[in-house]
Amino acid sequence: MSRLGHTRIKIYNIVARQLHGQVPCWVCGEHVAAEAATLEHIQPLSEGGSSHQENLAISHDHCNHQRHAKKPANPLDGA
């Protein structure tokens, strides 16, 4: 298992203990089951964020992907 995989489990377990087993998705707020949990970068890596624990949150896989949908290209950027 990768280092981020271990971090995901660790963060999930910490939040689960603090919130009596109810782990909310950082994006939609609905409960995330342990097997459906992914790590969300609060400040995206592409915007200077890091993979440190302070910049990671639990989210559903589909919420994570929706949030990071590509931004429209700027037509003024060297086209």
C-alpha atoms as a PDB file:
ATOM      1  CA  MET A   1       0.000   0.000   0.000  1.00  0.00           C
ATOM      2  CA  SER A   2       1.278   3.478  -0.850  1.00  0.00           C
ATOM      3  CA  ARG A   3       2.131   6.138   1.679  1.00  0.00           C
ATOM      4  CA  LEU A   4      -0.986   8.108   0.687  1.00  0.00           C
ATOM      5  CA  GLY A   5      -3.029   4.921   1.133  1.00  0.00           C
ATOM      6  CA  HIS A   6      -1.816   4.650   4.711  1.00  0.00           C
ATOM      7  CA  THR A   7      -2.472   8.366   5.220  1.00  0.00           C
ATOM      8  CA  ARG A   8      -6.042   7.974   3.897  1.00  0.00           C
ATOM      9  CA  ILE A   9      -6.751   5.195   6.385  1.00  0.00           C
ATOM     10  CA  LYS A  10      -5.133   7.158   9.219  1.00  0.00           C
ATOM     11  CA  ILE A  11      -7.124  10.342   8.483  1.00  0.00           C
ATOM     12  CA  TYR A  12     -10.354   8.356   8.039  1.00  0.00           C
ATOM     13  CA  ASN A  13      -9.870   6.617  11.406  1.00  0.00           C
ATOM     14  CA  ILE A  14      -9.086   9.883  13.202  1.00  0.00           C
ATOM     15  CA  VAL A  15     -12.200  11.577  11.820  1.00  0.00           C
ATOM     16  CA  ALA A  16     -14.327   8.490  12.530  1.00  0.00           C
ATOM     17  CA  ARG A  17     -13.215   8.494  16.183  1.00  0.00           C
ATOM     18  CA  GLN A  18     -13.846  12.220  16.575  1.00  0.00           C
ATOM     19  CA  LEU A  19     -17.295  12.094  14.930  1.00  0.00           C
ATOM     20  CA  HIS A  20     -18.478   8.747  16.383  1.00  0.00           C
ATOM     21  CA  GLY A  21     -18.162   6.830  13.119  1.00  0.00           C
ATOM     22  CA  GLN A  22     -19.788   9.384  10.818  1.00  0.00           C
ATOM     23  CA  VAL A  23     -17.179  10.611   8.338  1.00  0.00           C
ATOM     24  CA  PRO A  24     -18.509  13.422   6.128  1.00  0.00           C
ATOM     25  CA  CYS A  25     -17.333  14.022   2.580  1.00  0.00           C
ATOM     26  CA  TRP A  26     -15.341  17.260   2.453  1.00  0.00           C
ATOM     27  CA  VAL A  27     -17.130  18.211  -0.797  1.00  0.00           C
ATOM     28  CA  CYS A  28     -20.800  17.197  -0.369  1.00  0.00           C
ATOM     29  CA  GLY A  29     -21.057  16.590   3.390  1.00  0.00           C
ATOM     30  CA  GLU A  30     -22.664  13.141   3.067  1.00  0.00           C
ATOM     31  CA  HIS A  31     -21.262  10.145   4.984  1.00  0.00           C
ATOM     32  CA  VAL A  32     -18.354   8.347   3.314  1.00  0.00           C
ATOM     33  CA  ALA A  33     -17.929   4.627   3.975  1.00  0.00           C
ATOM     34  CA  ALA A  34     -14.339   3.538   4.574  1.00  0.00           C
ATOM     35  CA  GLU A  35     -14.190   1.527   1.342  1.00  0.00           C
ATOM     36  CA  ALA A  36     -15.428   4.530  -0.703  1.00  0.00           C
ATOM     37  CA  ALA A  37     -13.111   7.105   0.873  1.00  0.00           C
ATOM     38  CA  THR A  38     -10.485   8.944  -1.148  1.00  0.00           C
ATOM     39  CA  LEU A  39      -8.090  11.704  -0.192  1.00  0.00           C
ATOM     40  CA  GLU A  40      -8.923  15.184  -1.393  1.00  0.00           C
ATOM     41  CA  HIS A  41      -6.259  17.876  -1.634  1.00  0.00           C
ATOM     42  CA  ILE A  42      -7.900  20.962  -0.131  1.00  0.00           C
ATOM     43  CA  GLN A  43      -5.522  23.211  -2.035  1.00  0.00           C
ATOM     44  CA  PRO A  44      -4.787  21.344  -5.286  1.00  0.00           C
ATOM     45  CA  LEU A  45      -1.219  20.308  -6.004  1.00  0.00           C
ATOM     46  CA  SER A  46      -1.451  22.271  -9.263  1.00  0.00           C
ATOM     47  CA  GLU A  47      -2.065  25.433  -7.210  1.00  0.00           C
ATOM     48  CA  GLY A  48       0.860  24.917  -4.848  1.00  0.00           C
ATOM     49  CA  GLY A  49      -0.832  22.604  -2.339  1.00  0.00           C
ATOM     50  CA  SER A  50       1.011  19.762  -0.667  1.00  0.00           C
ATOM     51  CA  SER A  51       0.271  16.203   0.380  1.00  0.00           C
ATOM     52  CA  HIS A  52       0.803  17.041   4.050  1.00  0.00           C
ATOM     53  CA  GLN A  53      -1.961  15.932   6.400  1.00  0.00           C
ATOM     54  CA  GLU A  54      -3.126  19.525   6.946  1.00  0.00           C
ATOM     55  CA  ASN A  55      -3.988  19.796   3.234  1.00  0.00           C
ATOM     56  CA  LEU A  56      -5.841  16.475   2.955  1.00  0.00           C
ATOM     57  CA  ALA A  57      -9.498  15.673   3.542  1.00  0.00           C
ATOM     58  CA  ILE A  58     -11.760  12.654   2.988  1.00  0.00           C
ATOM     59  CA  SER A  59     -14.199  12.696   0.075  1.00  0.00           C
ATOM     60  CA  HIS A  60     -16.178  10.347  -2.169  1.00  0.00           C
ATOM     61  CA  ASP A  61     -14.308   9.334  -5.318  1.00  0.00           C
ATOM     62  CA  HIS A  62     -16.945  10.937  -7.574  1.00  0.00           C
ATOM     63  CA  CYS A  63     -16.948  14.185  -5.546  1.00  0.00           C
ATOM     64  CA  ASN A  64     -13.158  14.354  -5.765  1.00  0.00           C
ATOM     65  CA  HIS A  65     -13.220  13.940  -9.549  1.00  0.00           C
ATOM     66  CA  GLN A  66     -16.067  16.425 -10.061  1.00  0.00           C
ATOM     67  CA  ARG A  67     -14.282  19.064  -8.032  1.00  0.00           C
ATOM     68  CA  HIS A  68     -11.099  18.700 -10.063  1.00  0.00           C
ATOM     69  CA  ALA A  69     -12.710  18.897 -13.488  1.00  0.00           C
ATOM     70  CA  LYS A  70     -10.448  20.742 -15.868  1.00  0.00           C
ATOM     71  CA  LYS A  71     -10.924  24.505 -16.052  1.00  0.00           C
ATOM     72  CA  PRO A  72     -11.729  25.899 -19.491  1.00  0.00           C
ATOM     73  CA  ALA A  73      -8.641  26.925 -21.400  1.00  0.00           C
ATOM     74  CA  ASN A  74      -7.916  30.644 -21.508  1.00  0.00           C
ATOM     75  CA  PRO A  75      -8.124  31.714 -25.179  1.00  0.00           C
ATOM     76  CA  LEU A  76      -5.465  34.385 -24.549  1.00  0.00           C
ATOM     77  CA  ASP A  77      -2.812  31.824 -23.543  1.00  0.00           C
ATOM     78  CA  GLY A  78      -0.606  31.461 -26.603  1.00  0.00           C
ATOM     79  CA  ALA A  79      -3.199  30.128 -29.002  1.00  0.00           C
END
